[in-house]
Amino acid sequence: MDVIPIGRGSVGADFTLAPDPARAIDLASAFGGGADVLFGAAPTLVVAPEGAYVFDAGAGGVHLFDLGCGVGLGDPRLFVAYHPHLLVGGGGDAAALAIGTRQGAALHAWFDILSAEVGYQMVSQLGEPRQGIYVVFGGNVASAIQQIVAAFEVAAR
């Protein structure tokens, strides 16, 4: 079993589907932490619990807490994963509680230092659902540091 730490920032676009498709593109960003736990030899099972802060620029800017656990297949250099998320927060134009889900398919490369995720998000605030497709690209600083330290340890031998 191997563990890759997650300290990821991601940014991209949220393409609104409803209620107002005329508001075509909003900023999608998230900052969070967790771990990729890899079981067995390649192709390996990857389980990735993660918590994050999400800023949804639509509806006046909603602040959300994101809790999820991805499941994937591959090896540390390249793996694909399905990431379901529960979103809870508030703010924005309605200044009320917001609850929703986010489900995405992601490609993680080079010990999860780089990632790209495409998915569907639905957030309901005051009974009005806001739906969209999001595309984000991420960088995992914690994994990069882990790989740099490991390289120095190998070089020191």
N, C-alpha and C. Protein backbone atom coordinates (compact mmCIF):
# COMPACT_ATOMS: atom_id res chain seq x y z
N MET A 1 0.85 -1.17 0.00
CA MET A 1 0.00 0.00 0.00
C MET A 1 0.89 1.24 0.00
N ASP A 2 0.61 2.15 -0.92
CA ASP A 2 1.32 3.43 -0.99
C ASP A 2 0.33 4.56 -0.72
N VAL A 3 0.82 5.65 -0.16
CA VAL A 3 -0.02 6.81 0.12
C VAL A 3 0.61 8.04 -0.52
N ILE A 4 -0.18 8.75 -1.31
CA ILE A 4 0.24 10.01 -1.91
C ILE A 4 -0.56 11.11 -1.22
N PRO A 5 0.12 12.08 -0.59
CA PRO A 5 -0.62 13.16 0.08
C PRO A 5 -1.27 14.10 -0.94
N ILE A 6 -2.39 14.68 -0.56
CA ILE A 6 -3.07 15.65 -1.42
C ILE A 6 -3.08 17.00 -0.72
N GLY A 7 -2.54 17.99 -1.37
CA GLY A 7 -2.63 19.39 -0.98
C GLY A 7 -2.82 20.14 -2.29
N ARG A 8 -4.04 20.09 -2.81
CA ARG A 8 -4.29 20.49 -4.19
C ARG A 8 -5.06 21.81 -4.30
N GLY A 9 -4.65 22.60 -5.27
CA GLY A 9 -5.41 23.75 -5.71
C GLY A 9 -5.84 23.48 -7.13
N SER A 10 -7.08 23.82 -7.46
CA SER A 10 -7.54 23.62 -8.83
C SER A 10 -8.37 24.80 -9.28
N VAL A 11 -8.31 25.07 -10.55
CA VAL A 11 -9.04 26.19 -11.14
C VAL A 11 -9.50 25.80 -12.54
N GLY A 12 -10.63 26.36 -12.93
CA GLY A 12 -11.16 26.06 -14.25
C GLY A 12 -12.44 26.82 -14.50
N ALA A 13 -13.32 26.21 -15.29
CA ALA A 13 -14.55 26.86 -15.70
C ALA A 13 -15.76 26.02 -15.33
N ASP A 14 -16.86 26.71 -15.02
CA ASP A 14 -18.16 26.09 -14.74
C ASP A 14 -19.12 26.61 -15.80
N PHE A 15 -19.61 25.70 -16.64
CA PHE A 15 -20.52 26.05 -17.73
C PHE A 15 -21.95 25.82 -17.24
N THR A 16 -22.70 26.90 -17.02
CA THR A 16 -24.05 26.82 -16.46
C THR A 16 -25.03 26.20 -17.44
N LEU A 17 -25.80 25.21 -16.96
CA LEU A 17 -26.85 24.58 -17.75
C LEU A 17 -28.23 25.10 -17.34
N ALA A 18 -28.43 25.31 -16.04
CA ALA A 18 -29.73 25.79 -15.55
C ALA A 18 -29.47 26.48 -14.22
N PRO A 19 -30.21 27.47 -13.83
CA PRO A 19 -31.45 27.96 -14.44
C PRO A 19 -31.24 28.98 -15.54
N ASP A 20 -30.00 29.52 -15.71
CA ASP A 20 -29.78 30.58 -16.68
C ASP A 20 -28.60 30.26 -17.58
N PRO A 21 -28.84 29.50 -18.68
CA PRO A 21 -27.73 29.15 -19.57
C PRO A 21 -27.10 30.36 -20.25
N ALA A 22 -27.79 31.51 -20.24
CA ALA A 22 -27.22 32.72 -20.83
C ALA A 22 -25.98 33.16 -20.06
N ARG A 23 -25.94 32.85 -18.76
CA ARG A 23 -24.74 33.12 -17.96
C ARG A 23 -23.82 31.95 -18.20
N ALA A 24 -23.11 31.98 -19.30
CA ALA A 24 -22.45 30.81 -19.85
C ALA A 24 -21.32 30.24 -19.00
N ILE A 25 -20.36 31.07 -18.61
CA ILE A 25 -19.16 30.53 -17.97
C ILE A 25 -18.86 31.29 -16.68
N ASP A 26 -18.60 30.54 -15.60
CA ASP A 26 -18.19 31.12 -14.33
C ASP A 26 -16.88 30.46 -13.89
N LEU A 27 -16.20 31.09 -12.97
CA LEU A 27 -14.97 30.55 -12.39
C LEU A 27 -15.28 29.37 -11.48
N ALA A 28 -14.50 28.33 -11.59
CA ALA A 28 -14.57 27.18 -10.67
C ALA A 28 -13.21 27.05 -10.01
N SER A 29 -13.18 27.03 -8.68
CA SER A 29 -11.90 26.87 -7.99
C SER A 29 -12.10 26.09 -6.71
N ALA A 30 -11.06 25.38 -6.32
CA ALA A 30 -11.11 24.58 -5.09
C ALA A 30 -9.70 24.44 -4.51
N PHE A 31 -9.65 24.34 -3.18
CA PHE A 31 -8.39 24.13 -2.47
C PHE A 31 -8.65 23.12 -1.36
N GLY A 32 -7.90 22.00 -1.37
CA GLY A 32 -8.22 20.98 -0.38
C GLY A 32 -7.07 20.05 -0.08
N GLY A 33 -7.38 19.08 0.77
CA GLY A 33 -6.39 18.10 1.19
C GLY A 33 -6.99 16.73 1.39
N GLY A 34 -6.14 15.74 1.43
CA GLY A 34 -6.56 14.36 1.62
C GLY A 34 -5.41 13.42 1.31
N ALA A 35 -5.74 12.26 0.76
CA ALA A 35 -4.71 11.27 0.42
C ALA A 35 -5.20 10.36 -0.69
N ASP A 36 -4.27 9.96 -1.55
CA ASP A 36 -4.53 8.89 -2.51
C ASP A 36 -3.92 7.63 -1.91
N VAL A 37 -4.74 6.64 -1.64
CA VAL A 37 -4.24 5.38 -1.08
C VAL A 37 -4.28 4.34 -2.20
N LEU A 38 -3.12 3.79 -2.54
CA LEU A 38 -2.99 2.85 -3.64
C LEU A 38 -2.79 1.45 -3.08
N PHE A 39 -3.63 0.52 -3.51
CA PHE A 39 -3.60 -0.87 -3.04
C PHE A 39 -3.13 -1.80 -4.14
N GLY A 40 -2.13 -2.65 -3.86
CA GLY A 40 -1.71 -3.70 -4.78
C GLY A 40 -0.77 -3.21 -5.87
N ALA A 41 -0.45 -4.17 -6.79
CA ALA A 41 0.44 -3.88 -7.91
C ALA A 41 -0.37 -3.35 -9.08
N ALA A 42 0.33 -2.71 -10.03
CA ALA A 42 -0.36 -2.10 -11.18
C ALA A 42 -1.05 -3.17 -12.02
N PRO A 43 -2.27 -2.94 -12.50
CA PRO A 43 -3.08 -1.76 -12.21
C PRO A 43 -3.61 -1.83 -10.79
N THR A 44 -3.44 -0.76 -10.08
CA THR A 44 -3.77 -0.72 -8.67
C THR A 44 -5.10 -0.01 -8.41
N LEU A 45 -5.76 -0.39 -7.34
CA LEU A 45 -6.97 0.29 -6.89
C LEU A 45 -6.55 1.54 -6.13
N VAL A 46 -7.17 2.68 -6.44
CA VAL A 46 -6.87 3.94 -5.78
C VAL A 46 -8.12 4.40 -5.06
N VAL A 47 -8.00 4.68 -3.75
CA VAL A 47 -9.09 5.26 -2.96
C VAL A 47 -8.59 6.62 -2.49
N ALA A 48 -9.39 7.68 -2.76
CA ALA A 48 -8.91 9.03 -2.53
C ALA A 48 -9.90 9.88 -1.72
N PRO A 49 -9.89 9.76 -0.37
CA PRO A 49 -10.72 10.66 0.43
C PRO A 49 -10.14 12.08 0.39
N GLU A 50 -11.04 13.07 0.31
CA GLU A 50 -10.57 14.45 0.19
C GLU A 50 -11.63 15.41 0.72
N GLY A 51 -11.17 16.47 1.35
CA GLY A 51 -12.03 17.58 1.78
C GLY A 51 -11.49 18.85 1.17
N ALA A 52 -12.38 19.79 0.82
CA ALA A 52 -11.91 21.00 0.15
C ALA A 52 -12.85 22.18 0.39
N TYR A 53 -12.29 23.36 0.18
CA TYR A 53 -13.08 24.59 0.10
C TYR A 53 -13.31 24.85 -1.38
N VAL A 54 -14.55 25.12 -1.76
CA VAL A 54 -14.90 25.38 -3.16
C VAL A 54 -15.55 26.75 -3.25
N PHE A 55 -15.11 27.54 -4.22
CA PHE A 55 -15.77 28.80 -4.51
C PHE A 55 -16.49 28.66 -5.83
N ASP A 56 -17.80 28.81 -5.82
CA ASP A 56 -18.64 28.73 -7.01
C ASP A 56 -19.04 30.15 -7.37
N ALA A 57 -18.46 30.72 -8.43
CA ALA A 57 -18.69 32.12 -8.79
C ALA A 57 -20.11 32.38 -9.27
N GLY A 58 -20.84 31.35 -9.66
CA GLY A 58 -22.22 31.54 -10.10
C GLY A 58 -23.10 31.94 -8.94
N ALA A 59 -24.24 32.55 -9.23
CA ALA A 59 -25.21 32.98 -8.22
C ALA A 59 -24.61 33.95 -7.21
N GLY A 60 -23.68 34.77 -7.68
CA GLY A 60 -23.12 35.79 -6.81
C GLY A 60 -21.96 35.33 -5.94
N GLY A 61 -21.50 34.12 -6.11
CA GLY A 61 -20.37 33.61 -5.34
C GLY A 61 -20.78 32.83 -4.11
N VAL A 62 -20.85 31.51 -4.24
CA VAL A 62 -21.25 30.64 -3.14
C VAL A 62 -20.00 29.94 -2.60
N HIS A 63 -19.86 29.93 -1.27
CA HIS A 63 -18.73 29.28 -0.61
C HIS A 63 -19.20 27.91 -0.12
N LEU A 64 -18.48 26.85 -0.51
CA LEU A 64 -18.92 25.49 -0.22
C LEU A 64 -17.82 24.67 0.42
N PHE A 65 -18.21 23.76 1.32
CA PHE A 65 -17.31 22.74 1.83
C PHE A 65 -17.59 21.49 1.01
N ASP A 66 -16.54 20.87 0.51
CA ASP A 66 -16.63 19.71 -0.38
C ASP A 66 -16.05 18.51 0.35
N LEU A 67 -16.82 17.44 0.46
CA LEU A 67 -16.34 16.20 1.08
C LEU A 67 -16.62 15.06 0.11
N GLY A 68 -15.58 14.30 -0.23
CA GLY A 68 -15.76 13.21 -1.18
C GLY A 68 -14.72 12.13 -1.02
N CYS A 69 -14.93 11.05 -1.75
CA CYS A 69 -13.97 9.93 -1.76
C CYS A 69 -13.97 9.32 -3.15
N GLY A 70 -12.90 9.58 -3.88
CA GLY A 70 -12.78 9.05 -5.24
C GLY A 70 -12.31 7.61 -5.24
N VAL A 71 -12.63 6.93 -6.33
CA VAL A 71 -12.19 5.54 -6.55
C VAL A 71 -11.64 5.47 -7.96
N GLY A 72 -10.43 4.90 -8.10
CA GLY A 72 -9.82 4.85 -9.42
C GLY A 72 -9.00 3.61 -9.67
N LEU A 73 -8.38 3.60 -10.83
CA LEU A 73 -7.57 2.48 -11.27
C LEU A 73 -6.39 3.00 -12.06
N GLY A 74 -5.21 2.41 -11.85
CA GLY A 74 -4.02 2.81 -12.59
C GLY A 74 -2.79 2.53 -11.78
N ASP A 75 -1.79 3.40 -11.88
CA ASP A 75 -0.60 3.29 -11.05
C ASP A 75 -0.18 4.71 -10.67
N PRO A 76 0.84 4.88 -9.83
CA PRO A 76 1.18 6.23 -9.37
C PRO A 76 1.50 7.23 -10.50
N ARG A 77 1.99 6.73 -11.62
CA ARG A 77 2.34 7.64 -12.71
C ARG A 77 1.13 8.15 -13.48
N LEU A 78 0.05 7.35 -13.55
CA LEU A 78 -1.14 7.75 -14.29
C LEU A 78 -2.32 6.90 -13.83
N PHE A 79 -3.36 7.56 -13.33
CA PHE A 79 -4.57 6.82 -12.99
C PHE A 79 -5.81 7.65 -13.28
N VAL A 80 -6.91 6.96 -13.51
CA VAL A 80 -8.20 7.60 -13.72
C VAL A 80 -9.07 7.31 -12.51
N ALA A 81 -9.97 8.25 -12.18
CA ALA A 81 -10.80 8.06 -11.00
C ALA A 81 -12.16 8.72 -11.18
N TYR A 82 -13.14 8.16 -10.49
CA TYR A 82 -14.47 8.76 -10.37
C TYR A 82 -14.53 9.42 -9.01
N HIS A 83 -14.93 10.69 -8.97
CA HIS A 83 -14.96 11.46 -7.72
C HIS A 83 -16.36 11.99 -7.42
N PRO A 84 -17.11 11.34 -6.52
CA PRO A 84 -18.37 11.93 -6.06
C PRO A 84 -18.11 12.85 -4.87
N HIS A 85 -18.82 13.98 -4.81
CA HIS A 85 -18.61 14.96 -3.75
C HIS A 85 -19.95 15.41 -3.18
N LEU A 86 -19.98 15.68 -1.89
CA LEU A 86 -21.11 16.33 -1.24
C LEU A 86 -20.69 17.77 -0.99
N LEU A 87 -21.55 18.73 -1.35
CA LEU A 87 -21.25 20.15 -1.20
C LEU A 87 -22.24 20.78 -0.23
N VAL A 88 -21.73 21.52 0.75
CA VAL A 88 -22.58 22.23 1.72
C VAL A 88 -21.93 23.58 1.99
N GLY A 89 -22.73 24.64 1.96
CA GLY A 89 -22.19 25.97 2.23
C GLY A 89 -23.25 27.03 2.17
N GLY A 90 -22.86 28.21 1.71
CA GLY A 90 -23.81 29.31 1.64
C GLY A 90 -23.18 30.55 1.07
N GLY A 91 -23.95 31.65 1.14
CA GLY A 91 -23.48 32.93 0.62
C GLY A 91 -24.10 33.23 -0.73
N GLY A 92 -23.45 34.07 -1.48
CA GLY A 92 -23.93 34.44 -2.80
C GLY A 92 -25.10 35.41 -2.73
N ASP A 93 -25.79 35.57 -3.85
CA ASP A 93 -26.92 36.50 -3.94
C ASP A 93 -28.02 36.16 -2.94
N ALA A 94 -28.28 34.85 -2.74
CA ALA A 94 -29.37 34.43 -1.86
C ALA A 94 -28.98 34.45 -0.38
N ALA A 95 -27.69 34.44 -0.07
CA ALA A 95 -27.19 34.43 1.31
C ALA A 95 -27.91 33.39 2.16
N ALA A 96 -28.08 32.20 1.60
CA ALA A 96 -28.78 31.11 2.28
C ALA A 96 -27.99 29.83 2.15
N LEU A 97 -28.42 28.81 2.91
CA LEU A 97 -27.79 27.50 2.86
C LEU A 97 -27.83 26.93 1.44
N ALA A 98 -26.70 26.38 1.00
CA ALA A 98 -26.60 25.74 -0.31
C ALA A 98 -26.15 24.30 -0.10
N ILE A 99 -26.84 23.36 -0.74
CA ILE A 99 -26.50 21.94 -0.65
C ILE A 99 -26.49 21.38 -2.06
N GLY A 100 -25.53 20.50 -2.34
CA GLY A 100 -25.48 19.92 -3.67
C GLY A 100 -24.53 18.76 -3.79
N THR A 101 -24.36 18.31 -5.02
CA THR A 101 -23.45 17.22 -5.33
C THR A 101 -22.61 17.60 -6.53
N ARG A 102 -21.46 16.98 -6.60
CA ARG A 102 -20.55 17.14 -7.73
C ARG A 102 -20.02 15.76 -8.05
N GLN A 103 -20.07 15.38 -9.31
CA GLN A 103 -19.58 14.07 -9.73
C GLN A 103 -18.69 14.26 -10.94
N GLY A 104 -17.46 13.76 -10.84
CA GLY A 104 -16.53 13.99 -11.93
C GLY A 104 -15.66 12.80 -12.24
N ALA A 105 -15.14 12.81 -13.45
CA ALA A 105 -14.14 11.83 -13.89
C ALA A 105 -12.83 12.59 -14.03
N ALA A 106 -11.76 12.03 -13.47
CA ALA A 106 -10.49 12.75 -13.44
C ALA A 106 -9.34 11.88 -13.94
N LEU A 107 -8.36 12.56 -14.50
CA LEU A 107 -7.11 11.95 -14.90
C LEU A 107 -6.03 12.54 -14.01
N HIS A 108 -5.28 11.68 -13.31
CA HIS A 108 -4.23 12.11 -12.39
C HIS A 108 -2.89 11.62 -12.94
N ALA A 109 -1.92 12.53 -13.06
CA ALA A 109 -0.63 12.17 -13.66
C ALA A 109 0.53 12.46 -12.72
N TRP A 110 1.59 11.70 -12.91
CA TRP A 110 2.89 11.86 -12.24
C TRP A 110 2.72 12.01 -10.73
N PHE A 111 2.31 10.92 -10.10
CA PHE A 111 2.11 10.84 -8.65
C PHE A 111 1.07 11.88 -8.19
N ASP A 112 0.08 12.10 -9.02
CA ASP A 112 -1.04 13.02 -8.76
C ASP A 112 -0.59 14.46 -8.58
N ILE A 113 0.57 14.81 -9.14
CA ILE A 113 1.01 16.20 -9.08
C ILE A 113 0.15 17.05 -10.02
N LEU A 114 -0.24 16.49 -11.14
CA LEU A 114 -1.10 17.19 -12.10
C LEU A 114 -2.40 16.42 -12.25
N SER A 115 -3.52 17.16 -12.39
CA SER A 115 -4.80 16.49 -12.58
C SER A 115 -5.72 17.34 -13.45
N ALA A 116 -6.67 16.67 -14.08
CA ALA A 116 -7.72 17.33 -14.85
C ALA A 116 -9.02 16.59 -14.55
N GLU A 117 -10.08 17.34 -14.29
CA GLU A 117 -11.36 16.72 -13.94
C GLU A 117 -12.48 17.39 -14.73
N VAL A 118 -13.41 16.56 -15.22
CA VAL A 118 -14.61 17.02 -15.91
C VAL A 118 -15.78 16.39 -15.20
N GLY A 119 -16.82 17.19 -14.90
CA GLY A 119 -17.94 16.62 -14.18
C GLY A 119 -19.20 17.46 -14.23
N TYR A 120 -20.18 17.00 -13.49
CA TYR A 120 -21.50 17.63 -13.40
C TYR A 120 -21.71 18.07 -11.95
N GLN A 121 -22.24 19.28 -11.77
CA GLN A 121 -22.50 19.79 -10.43
C GLN A 121 -23.92 20.33 -10.36
N MET A 122 -24.61 20.04 -9.24
CA MET A 122 -25.93 20.58 -8.98
C MET A 122 -25.92 21.10 -7.55
N VAL A 123 -26.21 22.40 -7.39
CA VAL A 123 -26.28 23.02 -6.07
C VAL A 123 -27.64 23.69 -5.95
N SER A 124 -28.33 23.39 -4.86
CA SER A 124 -29.65 23.97 -4.62
C SER A 124 -29.56 24.99 -3.49
N GLN A 125 -30.10 26.18 -3.75
CA GLN A 125 -30.11 27.24 -2.75
C GLN A 125 -31.50 27.87 -2.77
N LEU A 126 -32.18 27.88 -1.64
CA LEU A 126 -33.56 28.36 -1.54
C LEU A 126 -34.49 27.63 -2.50
N GLY A 127 -34.25 26.33 -2.67
CA GLY A 127 -35.10 25.49 -3.51
C GLY A 127 -34.87 25.65 -5.00
N GLU A 128 -33.92 26.48 -5.41
CA GLU A 128 -33.64 26.67 -6.83
C GLU A 128 -32.33 25.98 -7.20
N PRO A 129 -32.42 24.91 -8.00
CA PRO A 129 -31.19 24.20 -8.37
C PRO A 129 -30.40 24.96 -9.43
N ARG A 130 -29.09 24.95 -9.27
CA ARG A 130 -28.17 25.50 -10.26
C ARG A 130 -27.32 24.35 -10.74
N GLN A 131 -27.36 24.09 -12.05
CA GLN A 131 -26.66 22.95 -12.63
C GLN A 131 -25.60 23.41 -13.61
N GLY A 132 -24.52 22.65 -13.67
CA GLY A 132 -23.46 23.01 -14.61
C GLY A 132 -22.48 21.88 -14.85
N ILE A 133 -21.74 22.04 -15.90
CA ILE A 133 -20.62 21.15 -16.23
C ILE A 133 -19.35 21.92 -15.87
N TYR A 134 -18.44 21.28 -15.15
CA TYR A 134 -17.20 21.96 -14.78
C TYR A 134 -16.00 21.24 -15.36
N VAL A 135 -14.97 22.01 -15.66
CA VAL A 135 -13.69 21.51 -16.16
C VAL A 135 -12.62 22.21 -15.34
N VAL A 136 -11.84 21.47 -14.57
CA VAL A 136 -10.80 22.07 -13.73
C VAL A 136 -9.47 21.35 -13.93
N PHE A 137 -8.41 22.11 -13.73
CA PHE A 137 -7.04 21.59 -13.78
C PHE A 137 -6.40 21.87 -12.42
N GLY A 138 -5.68 20.88 -11.87
CA GLY A 138 -5.15 21.02 -10.53
C GLY A 138 -3.67 20.73 -10.42
N GLY A 139 -3.09 21.28 -9.37
CA GLY A 139 -1.70 21.01 -9.02
C GLY A 139 -1.64 20.61 -7.55
N ASN A 140 -0.96 19.50 -7.26
CA ASN A 140 -0.88 18.94 -5.92
C ASN A 140 0.51 19.24 -5.33
N VAL A 141 0.59 20.29 -4.54
CA VAL A 141 1.86 20.72 -3.96
C VAL A 141 2.40 19.69 -2.97
N ALA A 142 1.53 19.06 -2.19
CA ALA A 142 1.98 18.08 -1.18
C ALA A 142 2.68 16.89 -1.84
N SER A 143 2.13 16.41 -2.95
CA SER A 143 2.77 15.29 -3.65
C SER A 143 4.09 15.73 -4.30
N ALA A 144 4.13 16.94 -4.83
CA ALA A 144 5.38 17.44 -5.43
C ALA A 144 6.49 17.49 -4.38
N ILE A 145 6.16 17.97 -3.19
CA ILE A 145 7.15 18.02 -2.11
C ILE A 145 7.59 16.61 -1.73
N GLN A 146 6.62 15.68 -1.63
CA GLN A 146 6.96 14.30 -1.29
C GLN A 146 7.92 13.71 -2.33
N GLN A 147 7.71 13.97 -3.60
CA GLN A 147 8.56 13.42 -4.66
C GLN A 147 9.95 14.07 -4.65
N ILE A 148 10.02 15.36 -4.35
CA ILE A 148 11.32 16.04 -4.26
C ILE A 148 12.13 15.48 -3.10
N VAL A 149 11.50 15.30 -1.95
CA VAL A 149 12.18 14.73 -0.78
C VAL A 149 12.66 13.31 -1.09
N ALA A 150 11.82 12.51 -1.73
CA ALA A 150 12.21 11.13 -2.09
C ALA A 150 13.40 11.13 -3.05
N ALA A 151 13.43 12.07 -4.01
CA ALA A 151 14.55 12.14 -4.94
C ALA A 151 15.85 12.50 -4.22
N PHE A 152 15.79 13.42 -3.26
CA PHE A 152 16.99 13.77 -2.49
C PHE A 152 17.44 12.61 -1.62
N GLU A 153 16.51 11.84 -1.07
CA GLU A 153 16.88 10.68 -0.26
C GLU A 153 17.59 9.64 -1.10
N VAL A 154 17.12 9.40 -2.32
CA VAL A 154 17.77 8.44 -3.22
C VAL A 154 19.15 8.95 -3.61
N ALA A 155 19.26 10.24 -3.91
CA ALA A 155 20.54 10.83 -4.32
C ALA A 155 21.57 10.79 -3.17
N ALA A 156 21.10 10.87 -1.94
CA ALA A 156 22.00 10.89 -0.78
C ALA A 156 22.59 9.52 -0.46
N ARG A 157 22.01 8.47 -1.02
CA ARG A 157 22.51 7.11 -0.73
C ARG A 157 23.79 6.79 -1.41
